[in-house]
Amino acid sequence: MATYTVNDAAVAKARSLIRGRQYVLDSDWGDVQPKAKDENAFLASRSWSEYAQWHLGLTEGASEETKARYAFVYGGLPPPAPLRTHCLPLPGRGVAAQGDRAGCA
């Protein structure tokens, strides 16, 4: 069985998004959870350290810069356009950050 450690950079990123009210409470995790093609597209244009910030766990013993290294993804990966605002989708009860989805990708 795999063992994991906490990815402190990802925890800090998640806390920053929450403090900045960049989250959505009315998302469906099945719709926003990154698929393999989404991860591949992200990695084609961004760094492994950016990818790591979206995973709360690190798989012990897995090689650096492999998808196997990163576990427990949270939120959808940021959109491709670098200037768009990204919001952390969270499963919830129908209320988006600041009352609507304005500014959320």
PDB file of N, CA and C in Angstrom:
ATOM      1  N   MET A   1       0.841  -1.180   0.000  1.00  0.00           N
ATOM      2  CA  MET A   1       0.000   0.000   0.000  1.00  0.00           C
ATOM      3  C   MET A   1       0.888   1.246   0.000  1.00  0.00           C
ATOM      4  N   ALA A   2       0.497   2.202  -0.796  1.00  0.00           N
ATOM      5  CA  ALA A   2       1.265   3.450  -0.890  1.00  0.00           C
ATOM      6  C   ALA A   2       1.162   4.240   0.411  1.00  0.00           C
ATOM      7  N   THR A   3       2.208   4.980   0.689  1.00  0.00           N
ATOM      8  CA  THR A   3       2.196   5.907   1.819  1.00  0.00           C
ATOM      9  C   THR A   3       2.447   7.309   1.281  1.00  0.00           C
ATOM     10  N   TYR A   4       1.964   8.281   2.022  1.00  0.00           N
ATOM     11  CA  TYR A   4       1.981   9.654   1.552  1.00  0.00           C
ATOM     12  C   TYR A   4       2.493  10.595   2.629  1.00  0.00           C
ATOM     13  N   THR A   5       3.010  11.728   2.171  1.00  0.00           N
ATOM     14  CA  THR A   5       3.331  12.827   3.064  1.00  0.00           C
ATOM     15  C   THR A   5       2.520  14.041   2.598  1.00  0.00           C
ATOM     16  N   VAL A   6       2.369  14.994   3.490  1.00  0.00           N
ATOM     17  CA  VAL A   6       1.628  16.208   3.153  1.00  0.00           C
ATOM     18  C   VAL A   6       2.485  17.093   2.260  1.00  0.00           C
ATOM     19  N   ASN A   7       1.869  17.610   1.216  1.00  0.00           N
ATOM     20  CA  ASN A   7       2.533  18.542   0.317  1.00  0.00           C
ATOM     21  C   ASN A   7       2.257  19.952   0.846  1.00  0.00           C
ATOM     22  N   ASP A   8       3.183  20.475   1.609  1.00  0.00           N
ATOM     23  CA  ASP A   8       2.990  21.773   2.259  1.00  0.00           C
ATOM     24  C   ASP A   8       2.741  22.908   1.269  1.00  0.00           C
ATOM     25  N   ALA A   9       3.367  22.862   0.097  1.00  0.00           N
ATOM     26  CA  ALA A   9       3.151  23.911  -0.911  1.00  0.00           C
ATOM     27  C   ALA A   9       1.702  23.901  -1.399  1.00  0.00           C
ATOM     28  N   ALA A  10       1.135  22.722  -1.568  1.00  0.00           N
ATOM     29  CA  ALA A  10      -0.258  22.617  -2.011  1.00  0.00           C
ATOM     30  C   ALA A  10      -1.216  23.087  -0.922  1.00  0.00           C
ATOM     31  N   VAL A  11      -0.919  22.769   0.314  1.00  0.00           N
ATOM     32  CA  VAL A  11      -1.755  23.228   1.425  1.00  0.00           C
ATOM     33  C   VAL A  11      -1.730  24.754   1.482  1.00  0.00           C
ATOM     34  N   ALA A  12      -0.557  25.344   1.315  1.00  0.00           N
ATOM     35  CA  ALA A  12      -0.442  26.810   1.315  1.00  0.00           C
ATOM     36  C   ALA A  12      -1.223  27.417   0.145  1.00  0.00           C
ATOM     37  N   LYS A  13      -1.153  26.789  -1.024  1.00  0.00           N
ATOM     38  CA  LYS A  13      -1.892  27.277  -2.194  1.00  0.00           C
ATOM     39  C   LYS A  13      -3.398  27.208  -1.944  1.00  0.00           C
ATOM     40  N   ALA A  14      -3.868  26.099  -1.403  1.00  0.00           N
ATOM     41  CA  ALA A  14      -5.299  25.942  -1.107  1.00  0.00           C
ATOM     42  C   ALA A  14      -5.754  26.988  -0.094  1.00  0.00           C
ATOM     43  N   ARG A  15      -4.974  27.202   0.932  1.00  0.00           N
ATOM     44  CA  ARG A  15      -5.334  28.215   1.937  1.00  0.00           C
ATOM     45  C   ARG A  15      -5.378  29.609   1.322  1.00  0.00           C
ATOM     46  N   SER A  16      -4.447  29.878   0.419  1.00  0.00           N
ATOM     47  CA  SER A  16      -4.422  31.178  -0.252  1.00  0.00           C
ATOM     48  C   SER A  16      -5.682  31.372  -1.100  1.00  0.00           C
ATOM     49  N   LEU A  17      -6.083  30.354  -1.830  1.00  0.00           N
ATOM     50  CA  LEU A  17      -7.304  30.443  -2.634  1.00  0.00           C
ATOM     51  C   LEU A  17      -8.528  30.653  -1.743  1.00  0.00           C
ATOM     52  N   ILE A  18      -8.580  29.956  -0.636  1.00  0.00           N
ATOM     53  CA  ILE A  18      -9.718  30.090   0.278  1.00  0.00           C
ATOM     54  C   ILE A  18      -9.739  31.483   0.898  1.00  0.00           C
ATOM     55  N   ARG A  19      -8.581  31.969   1.363  1.00  0.00           N
ATOM     56  CA  ARG A  19      -8.518  33.326   1.919  1.00  0.00           C
ATOM     57  C   ARG A  19      -8.940  34.377   0.896  1.00  0.00           C
ATOM     58  N   GLY A  20      -8.578  34.155  -0.362  1.00  0.00           N
ATOM     59  CA  GLY A  20      -8.931  35.083  -1.425  1.00  0.00           C
ATOM     60  C   GLY A  20     -10.339  34.880  -1.967  1.00  0.00           C
ATOM     61  N   ARG A  21     -11.093  33.986  -1.335  1.00  0.00           N
ATOM     62  CA  ARG A  21     -12.470  33.673  -1.733  1.00  0.00           C
ATOM     63  C   ARG A  21     -12.549  33.191  -3.177  1.00  0.00           C
ATOM     64  N   GLN A  22     -11.514  32.492  -3.601  1.00  0.00           N
ATOM     65  CA  GLN A  22     -11.479  31.944  -4.955  1.00  0.00           C
ATOM     66  C   GLN A  22     -11.892  30.483  -4.904  1.00  0.00           C
ATOM     67  N   TYR A  23     -13.167  30.274  -4.693  1.00  0.00           N
ATOM     68  CA  TYR A  23     -13.713  28.924  -4.652  1.00  0.00           C
ATOM     69  C   TYR A  23     -15.158  28.959  -5.099  1.00  0.00           C
ATOM     70  N   VAL A  24     -15.654  27.800  -5.465  1.00  0.00           N
ATOM     71  CA  VAL A  24     -17.043  27.652  -5.879  1.00  0.00           C
ATOM     72  C   VAL A  24     -17.639  26.542  -5.032  1.00  0.00           C
ATOM     73  N   LEU A  25     -18.764  26.822  -4.405  1.00  0.00           N
ATOM     74  CA  LEU A  25     -19.394  25.824  -3.549  1.00  0.00           C
ATOM     75  C   LEU A  25     -20.426  24.966  -4.268  1.00  0.00           C
ATOM     76  N   ASP A  26     -20.785  25.324  -5.481  1.00  0.00           N
ATOM     77  CA  ASP A  26     -21.851  24.586  -6.147  1.00  0.00           C
ATOM     78  C   ASP A  26     -21.361  23.731  -7.311  1.00  0.00           C
ATOM     79  N   SER A  27     -20.121  23.294  -7.274  1.00  0.00           N
ATOM     80  CA  SER A  27     -19.586  22.477  -8.357  1.00  0.00           C
ATOM     81  C   SER A  27     -19.910  20.999  -8.142  1.00  0.00           C
ATOM     82  N   ASP A  28     -19.845  20.250  -9.226  1.00  0.00           N
ATOM     83  CA  ASP A  28     -19.996  18.798  -9.189  1.00  0.00           C
ATOM     84  C   ASP A  28     -18.605  18.216  -9.409  1.00  0.00           C
ATOM     85  N   TRP A  29     -18.032  17.587  -8.384  1.00  0.00           N
ATOM     86  CA  TRP A  29     -16.653  17.105  -8.448  1.00  0.00           C
ATOM     87  C   TRP A  29     -16.445  16.196  -9.654  1.00  0.00           C
ATOM     88  N   GLY A  30     -17.447  15.422 -10.025  1.00  0.00           N
ATOM     89  CA  GLY A  30     -17.322  14.561 -11.191  1.00  0.00           C
ATOM     90  C   GLY A  30     -17.098  15.338 -12.472  1.00  0.00           C
ATOM     91  N   ASP A  31     -17.586  16.570 -12.527  1.00  0.00           N
ATOM     92  CA  ASP A  31     -17.410  17.413 -13.716  1.00  0.00           C
ATOM     93  C   ASP A  31     -16.100  18.191 -13.705  1.00  0.00           C
ATOM     94  N   VAL A  32     -15.614  18.567 -12.534  1.00  0.00           N
ATOM     95  CA  VAL A  32     -14.434  19.431 -12.459  1.00  0.00           C
ATOM     96  C   VAL A  32     -13.136  18.697 -12.126  1.00  0.00           C
ATOM     97  N   GLN A  33     -13.244  17.455 -11.666  1.00  0.00           N
ATOM     98  CA  GLN A  33     -12.038  16.699 -11.345  1.00  0.00           C
ATOM     99  C   GLN A  33     -11.194  16.538 -12.599  1.00  0.00           C
ATOM    100  N   PRO A  34      -9.909  16.893 -12.543  1.00  0.00           N
ATOM    101  CA  PRO A  34      -9.068  16.813 -13.739  1.00  0.00           C
ATOM    102  C   PRO A  34      -8.963  15.381 -14.271  1.00  0.00           C
ATOM    103  N   LYS A  35      -9.105  15.253 -15.567  1.00  0.00           N
ATOM    104  CA  LYS A  35      -8.927  13.975 -16.259  1.00  0.00           C
ATOM    105  C   LYS A  35      -7.473  13.913 -16.739  1.00  0.00           C
ATOM    106  N   ALA A  36      -7.041  12.747 -17.172  1.00  0.00           N
ATOM    107  CA  ALA A  36      -5.657  12.576 -17.639  1.00  0.00           C
ATOM    108  C   ALA A  36      -5.321  13.566 -18.747  1.00  0.00           C
ATOM    109  N   LYS A  37      -6.253  13.796 -19.676  1.00  0.00           N
ATOM    110  CA  LYS A  37      -5.980  14.738 -20.777  1.00  0.00           C
ATOM    111  C   LYS A  37      -5.809  16.164 -20.250  1.00  0.00           C
ATOM    112  N   ASP A  38      -6.556  16.523 -19.195  1.00  0.00           N
ATOM    113  CA  ASP A  38      -6.418  17.849 -18.587  1.00  0.00           C
ATOM    114  C   ASP A  38      -5.045  17.999 -17.935  1.00  0.00           C
ATOM    115  N   GLU A  39      -4.619  16.946 -17.242  1.00  0.00           N
ATOM    116  CA  GLU A  39      -3.304  16.975 -16.594  1.00  0.00           C
ATOM    117  C   GLU A  39      -2.193  17.075 -17.631  1.00  0.00           C
ATOM    118  N   ASN A  40      -2.332  16.306 -18.726  1.00  0.00           N
ATOM    119  CA  ASN A  40      -1.318  16.349 -19.783  1.00  0.00           C
ATOM    120  C   ASN A  40      -1.242  17.726 -20.421  1.00  0.00           C
ATOM    121  N   ALA A  41      -2.396  18.338 -20.678  1.00  0.00           N
ATOM    122  CA  ALA A  41      -2.413  19.686 -21.260  1.00  0.00           C
ATOM    123  C   ALA A  41      -1.782  20.685 -20.298  1.00  0.00           C
ATOM    124  N   PHE A  42      -2.082  20.558 -19.020  1.00  0.00           N
ATOM    125  CA  PHE A  42      -1.496  21.439 -18.014  1.00  0.00           C
ATOM    126  C   PHE A  42       0.031  21.308 -18.031  1.00  0.00           C
ATOM    127  N   LEU A  43       0.517  20.064 -18.018  1.00  0.00           N
ATOM    128  CA  LEU A  43       1.954  19.828 -17.972  1.00  0.00           C
ATOM    129  C   LEU A  43       2.666  20.235 -19.268  1.00  0.00           C
ATOM    130  N   ALA A  44       1.935  20.308 -20.356  1.00  0.00           N
ATOM    131  CA  ALA A  44       2.537  20.727 -21.626  1.00  0.00           C
ATOM    132  C   ALA A  44       2.904  22.206 -21.616  1.00  0.00           C
ATOM    133  N   SER A  45       2.229  22.979 -20.757  1.00  0.00           N
ATOM    134  CA  SER A  45       2.479  24.421 -20.758  1.00  0.00           C
ATOM    135  C   SER A  45       2.930  24.972 -19.408  1.00  0.00           C
ATOM    136  N   ARG A  46       3.001  24.131 -18.405  1.00  0.00           N
ATOM    137  CA  ARG A  46       3.367  24.598 -17.059  1.00  0.00           C
ATOM    138  C   ARG A  46       4.409  23.676 -16.451  1.00  0.00           C
ATOM    139  N   SER A  47       4.938  24.072 -15.315  1.00  0.00           N
ATOM    140  CA  SER A  47       6.000  23.301 -14.659  1.00  0.00           C
ATOM    141  C   SER A  47       5.436  22.235 -13.717  1.00  0.00           C
ATOM    142  N   TRP A  48       6.304  21.296 -13.380  1.00  0.00           N
ATOM    143  CA  TRP A  48       5.927  20.274 -12.407  1.00  0.00           C
ATOM    144  C   TRP A  48       5.655  20.906 -11.040  1.00  0.00           C
ATOM    145  N   SER A  49       6.367  21.962 -10.689  1.00  0.00           N
ATOM    146  CA  SER A  49       6.117  22.590  -9.386  1.00  0.00           C
ATOM    147  C   SER A  49       4.728  23.224  -9.352  1.00  0.00           C
ATOM    148  N   GLU A  50       4.260  23.769 -10.482  1.00  0.00           N
ATOM    149  CA  GLU A  50       2.891  24.291 -10.541  1.00  0.00           C
ATOM    150  C   GLU A  50       1.883  23.153 -10.432  1.00  0.00           C
ATOM    151  N   TYR A  51       2.157  22.054 -11.111  1.00  0.00           N
ATOM    152  CA  TYR A  51       1.293  20.867 -11.044  1.00  0.00           C
ATOM    153  C   TYR A  51       1.211  20.363  -9.602  1.00  0.00           C
ATOM    154  N   ALA A  52       2.342  20.339  -8.934  1.00  0.00           N
ATOM    155  CA  ALA A  52       2.402  19.842  -7.552  1.00  0.00           C
ATOM    156  C   ALA A  52       1.522  20.661  -6.612  1.00  0.00           C
ATOM    157  N   GLN A  53       1.373  21.956  -6.883  1.00  0.00           N
ATOM    158  CA  GLN A  53       0.581  22.816  -5.999  1.00  0.00           C
ATOM    159  C   GLN A  53      -0.892  22.434  -5.958  1.00  0.00           C
ATOM    160  N   TRP A  54      -1.352  21.591  -6.864  1.00  0.00           N
ATOM    161  CA  TRP A  54      -2.757  21.175  -6.912  1.00  0.00           C
ATOM    162  C   TRP A  54      -2.971  19.780  -6.344  1.00  0.00           C
ATOM    163  N   HIS A  55      -1.948  19.262  -5.647  1.00  0.00           N
ATOM    164  CA  HIS A  55      -2.026  17.921  -5.063  1.00  0.00           C
ATOM    165  C   HIS A  55      -1.588  17.986  -3.602  1.00  0.00           C
ATOM    166  N   LEU A  56      -2.496  17.623  -2.712  1.00  0.00           N
ATOM    167  CA  LEU A  56      -2.239  17.752  -1.277  1.00  0.00           C
ATOM    168  C   LEU A  56      -1.290  16.695  -0.722  1.00  0.00           C
ATOM    169  N   GLY A  57      -1.074  15.617  -1.458  1.00  0.00           N
ATOM    170  CA  GLY A  57      -0.199  14.555  -0.979  1.00  0.00           C
ATOM    171  C   GLY A  57       0.935  14.263  -1.930  1.00  0.00           C
ATOM    172  N   LEU A  58       2.022  13.743  -1.377  1.00  0.00           N
ATOM    173  CA  LEU A  58       3.171  13.289  -2.147  1.00  0.00           C
ATOM    174  C   LEU A  58       3.339  11.802  -1.862  1.00  0.00           C
ATOM    175  N   THR A  59       3.398  11.004  -2.908  1.00  0.00           N
ATOM    176  CA  THR A  59       3.555   9.562  -2.750  1.00  0.00           C
ATOM    177  C   THR A  59       5.006   9.266  -2.418  1.00  0.00           C
ATOM    178  N   GLU A  60       5.217   8.647  -1.271  1.00  0.00           N
ATOM    179  CA  GLU A  60       6.583   8.318  -0.857  1.00  0.00           C
ATOM    180  C   GLU A  60       7.156   7.255  -1.781  1.00  0.00           C
ATOM    181  N   GLY A  61       8.405   7.469  -2.208  1.00  0.00           N
ATOM    182  CA  GLY A  61       9.096   6.524  -3.066  1.00  0.00           C
ATOM    183  C   GLY A  61       8.862   6.730  -4.552  1.00  0.00           C
ATOM    184  N   ALA A  62       7.884   7.531  -4.932  1.00  0.00           N
ATOM    185  CA  ALA A  62       7.640   7.795  -6.358  1.00  0.00           C
ATOM    186  C   ALA A  62       8.653   8.823  -6.858  1.00  0.00           C
ATOM    187  N   SER A  63       9.048   8.676  -8.088  1.00  0.00           N
ATOM    188  CA  SER A  63      10.041   9.580  -8.685  1.00  0.00           C
ATOM    189  C   SER A  63       9.472  10.985  -8.835  1.00  0.00           C
ATOM    190  N   GLU A  64      10.343  11.972  -8.644  1.00  0.00           N
ATOM    191  CA  GLU A  64       9.970  13.368  -8.883  1.00  0.00           C
ATOM    192  C   GLU A  64       9.566  13.528 -10.338  1.00  0.00           C
ATOM    193  N   GLU A  65       8.751  14.523 -10.604  1.00  0.00           N
ATOM    194  CA  GLU A  65       8.300  14.866 -11.948  1.00  0.00           C
ATOM    195  C   GLU A  65       7.650  13.687 -12.668  1.00  0.00           C
ATOM    196  N   THR A  66       6.825  12.956 -11.922  1.00  0.00           N
ATOM    197  CA  THR A  66       5.945  11.936 -12.484  1.00  0.00           C
ATOM    198  C   THR A  66       4.572  12.139 -11.859  1.00  0.00           C
ATOM    199  N   LYS A  67       3.528  11.793 -12.586  1.00  0.00           N
ATOM    200  CA  LYS A  67       2.180  11.936 -12.034  1.00  0.00           C
ATOM    201  C   LYS A  67       2.001  11.055 -10.801  1.00  0.00           C
ATOM    202  N   ALA A  68       2.703   9.939 -10.747  1.00  0.00           N
ATOM    203  CA  ALA A  68       2.590   9.032  -9.605  1.00  0.00           C
ATOM    204  C   ALA A  68       3.045   9.696  -8.306  1.00  0.00           C
ATOM    205  N   ARG A  69       3.880  10.686  -8.403  1.00  0.00           N
ATOM    206  CA  ARG A  69       4.409  11.381  -7.222  1.00  0.00           C
ATOM    207  C   ARG A  69       3.332  12.185  -6.495  1.00  0.00           C
ATOM    208  N   TYR A  70       2.345  12.672  -7.229  1.00  0.00           N
ATOM    209  CA  TYR A  70       1.381  13.623  -6.677  1.00  0.00           C
ATOM    210  C   TYR A  70       0.025  12.959  -6.472  1.00  0.00           C
ATOM    211  N   ALA A  71      -0.532  13.119  -5.290  1.00  0.00           N
ATOM    212  CA  ALA A  71      -1.794  12.458  -4.928  1.00  0.00           C
ATOM    213  C   ALA A  71      -2.759  13.461  -4.309  1.00  0.00           C
ATOM    214  N   PHE A  72      -4.009  13.100  -4.314  1.00  0.00           N
ATOM    215  CA  PHE A  72      -5.070  13.877  -3.671  1.00  0.00           C
ATOM    216  C   PHE A  72      -5.217  15.271  -4.292  1.00  0.00           C
ATOM    217  N   VAL A  73      -5.542  15.269  -5.582  1.00  0.00           N
ATOM    218  CA  VAL A  73      -5.773  16.521  -6.295  1.00  0.00           C
ATOM    219  C   VAL A  73      -6.965  17.237  -5.665  1.00  0.00           C
ATOM    220  N   TYR A  74      -6.892  18.536  -5.615  1.00  0.00           N
ATOM    221  CA  TYR A  74      -8.034  19.323  -5.137  1.00  0.00           C
ATOM    222  C   TYR A  74      -8.334  20.364  -6.198  1.00  0.00           C
ATOM    223  N   GLY A  75      -9.592  20.619  -6.408  1.00  0.00           N
ATOM    224  CA  GLY A  75      -9.998  21.624  -7.392  1.00  0.00           C
ATOM    225  C   GLY A  75      -9.690  21.213  -8.807  1.00  0.00           C
ATOM    226  N   GLY A  76     -10.171  22.010  -9.739  1.00  0.00           N
ATOM    227  CA  GLY A  76      -9.825  21.806 -11.132  1.00  0.00           C
ATOM    228  C   GLY A  76      -8.504  22.511 -11.388  1.00  0.00           C
ATOM    229  N   LEU A  77      -7.749  22.015 -12.344  1.00  0.00           N
ATOM    230  CA  LEU A  77      -6.500  22.700 -12.679  1.00  0.00           C
ATOM    231  C   LEU A  77      -6.821  24.055 -13.293  1.00  0.00           C
ATOM    232  N   PRO A  78      -5.945  25.037 -13.141  1.00  0.00           N
ATOM    233  CA  PRO A  78      -6.199  26.361 -13.706  1.00  0.00           C
ATOM    234  C   PRO A  78      -6.409  26.288 -15.217  1.00  0.00           C
ATOM    235  N   PRO A  79      -7.185  27.205 -15.756  1.00  0.00           N
ATOM    236  CA  PRO A  79      -7.435  27.219 -17.196  1.00  0.00           C
ATOM    237  C   PRO A  79      -6.171  27.590 -17.965  1.00  0.00           C
ATOM    238  N   PRO A  80      -6.128  27.258 -19.262  1.00  0.00           N
ATOM    239  CA  PRO A  80      -4.930  27.527 -20.050  1.00  0.00           C
ATOM    240  C   PRO A  80      -4.575  29.000 -20.177  1.00  0.00           C
ATOM    241  N   ALA A  81      -5.577  29.871 -20.286  1.00  0.00           N
ATOM    242  CA  ALA A  81      -5.280  31.294 -20.436  1.00  0.00           C
ATOM    243  C   ALA A  81      -4.666  31.817 -19.142  1.00  0.00           C
ATOM    244  N   PRO A  82      -3.414  32.280 -19.164  1.00  0.00           N
ATOM    245  CA  PRO A  82      -2.721  32.646 -17.923  1.00  0.00           C
ATOM    246  C   PRO A  82      -3.323  33.828 -17.179  1.00  0.00           C
ATOM    247  N   LEU A  83      -4.109  34.665 -17.830  1.00  0.00           N
ATOM    248  CA  LEU A  83      -4.640  35.838 -17.155  1.00  0.00           C
ATOM    249  C   LEU A  83      -6.034  35.632 -16.581  1.00  0.00           C
ATOM    250  N   ARG A  84      -6.643  34.464 -16.790  1.00  0.00           N
ATOM    251  CA  ARG A  84      -7.984  34.228 -16.267  1.00  0.00           C
ATOM    252  C   ARG A  84      -7.913  33.898 -14.783  1.00  0.00           C
ATOM    253  N   THR A  85      -8.896  34.362 -14.052  1.00  0.00           N
ATOM    254  CA  THR A  85      -8.998  34.059 -12.626  1.00  0.00           C
ATOM    255  C   THR A  85      -9.407  32.605 -12.476  1.00  0.00           C
ATOM    256  N   HIS A  86      -8.864  31.939 -11.490  1.00  0.00           N
ATOM    257  CA  HIS A  86      -9.240  30.556 -11.231  1.00  0.00           C
ATOM    258  C   HIS A  86      -9.869  30.464  -9.857  1.00  0.00           C
ATOM    259  N   CYS A  87     -10.935  29.703  -9.770  1.00  0.00           N
ATOM    260  CA  CYS A  87     -11.593  29.465  -8.496  1.00  0.00           C
ATOM    261  C   CYS A  87     -11.513  27.993  -8.170  1.00  0.00           C
ATOM    262  N   LEU A  88     -11.379  27.695  -6.911  1.00  0.00           N
ATOM    263  CA  LEU A  88     -11.292  26.337  -6.424  1.00  0.00           C
ATOM    264  C   LEU A  88     -12.689  25.751  -6.326  1.00  0.00           C
ATOM    265  N   PRO A  89     -13.054  24.782  -7.197  1.00  0.00           N
ATOM    266  CA  PRO A  89     -14.381  24.203  -7.085  1.00  0.00           C
ATOM    267  C   PRO A  89     -14.442  23.239  -5.906  1.00  0.00           C
ATOM    268  N   LEU A  90     -15.418  23.406  -5.078  1.00  0.00           N
ATOM    269  CA  LEU A  90     -15.624  22.531  -3.926  1.00  0.00           C
ATOM    270  C   LEU A  90     -17.036  21.960  -3.990  1.00  0.00           C
ATOM    271  N   PRO A  91     -17.193  20.688  -3.655  1.00  0.00           N
ATOM    272  CA  PRO A  91     -18.555  20.177  -3.596  1.00  0.00           C
ATOM    273  C   PRO A  91     -19.291  20.921  -2.490  1.00  0.00           C
ATOM    274  N   GLY A  92     -20.502  21.362  -2.741  1.00  0.00           N
ATOM    275  CA  GLY A  92     -21.153  22.160  -1.717  1.00  0.00           C
ATOM    276  C   GLY A  92     -22.639  22.304  -1.889  1.00  0.00           C
ATOM    277  N   ARG A  93     -23.156  23.388  -1.362  1.00  0.00           N
ATOM    278  CA  ARG A  93     -24.584  23.567  -1.227  1.00  0.00           C
ATOM    279  C   ARG A  93     -25.146  24.701  -2.069  1.00  0.00           C
ATOM    280  N   GLY A  94     -24.658  24.962  -3.214  1.00  0.00           N
ATOM    281  CA  GLY A  94     -25.317  25.898  -4.111  1.00  0.00           C
ATOM    282  C   GLY A  94     -25.008  27.368  -3.927  1.00  0.00           C
ATOM    283  N   VAL A  95     -23.959  27.721  -3.213  1.00  0.00           N
ATOM    284  CA  VAL A  95     -23.608  29.136  -3.065  1.00  0.00           C
ATOM    285  C   VAL A  95     -22.175  29.306  -3.537  1.00  0.00           C
ATOM    286  N   ALA A  96     -21.967  30.180  -4.500  1.00  0.00           N
ATOM    287  CA  ALA A  96     -20.619  30.410  -5.018  1.00  0.00           C
ATOM    288  C   ALA A  96     -19.970  31.543  -4.229  1.00  0.00           C
ATOM    289  N   ALA A  97     -18.662  31.654  -4.380  1.00  0.00           N
ATOM    290  CA  ALA A  97     -17.911  32.701  -3.699  1.00  0.00           C
ATOM    291  C   ALA A  97     -18.527  34.062  -4.009  1.00  0.00           C
ATOM    292  N   GLN A  98     -18.700  34.866  -3.006  1.00  0.00           N
ATOM    293  CA  GLN A  98     -19.233  36.214  -3.103  1.00  0.00           C
ATOM    294  C   GLN A  98     -20.573  36.254  -3.831  1.00  0.00           C
ATOM    295  N   GLY A  99     -21.342  35.158  -3.718  1.00  0.00           N
ATOM    296  CA  GLY A  99     -22.698  35.151  -4.220  1.00  0.00           C
ATOM    297  C   GLY A  99     -22.897  34.758  -5.666  1.00  0.00           C
ATOM    298  N   ASP A 100     -21.857  34.719  -6.473  1.00  0.00           N
ATOM    299  CA  ASP A 100     -22.010  34.290  -7.850  1.00  0.00           C
ATOM    300  C   ASP A 100     -20.687  33.775  -8.391  1.00  0.00           C
ATOM    301  N   ARG A 101     -20.660  33.483  -9.678  1.00  0.00           N
ATOM    302  CA  ARG A 101     -19.438  32.964 -10.293  1.00  0.00           C
ATOM    303  C   ARG A 101     -18.628  34.054 -10.984  1.00  0.00           C
ATOM    304  N   ALA A 102     -18.934  35.288 -10.738  1.00  0.00           N
ATOM    305  CA  ALA A 102     -18.211  36.385 -11.393  1.00  0.00           C
ATOM    306  C   ALA A 102     -16.721  36.259 -11.120  1.00  0.00           C
ATOM    307  N   GLY A 103     -15.955  36.302 -12.171  1.00  0.00           N
ATOM    308  CA  GLY A 103     -14.510  36.222 -12.042  1.00  0.00           C
ATOM    309  C   GLY A 103     -13.963  34.817 -11.924  1.00  0.00           C
ATOM    310  N   CYS A 104     -14.820  33.820 -11.826  1.00  0.00           N
ATOM    311  CA  CYS A 104     -14.352  32.436 -11.711  1.00  0.00           C
ATOM    312  C   CYS A 104     -14.280  31.797 -13.082  1.00  0.00           C
ATOM    313  N   ALA A 105     -13.213  31.050 -13.297  1.00  0.00           N
ATOM    314  CA  ALA A 105     -13.050  30.358 -14.585  1.00  0.00           C
ATOM    315  C   ALA A 105     -13.942  29.152 -14.629  1.00  0.00           C
TER     316      ALA A 105
END
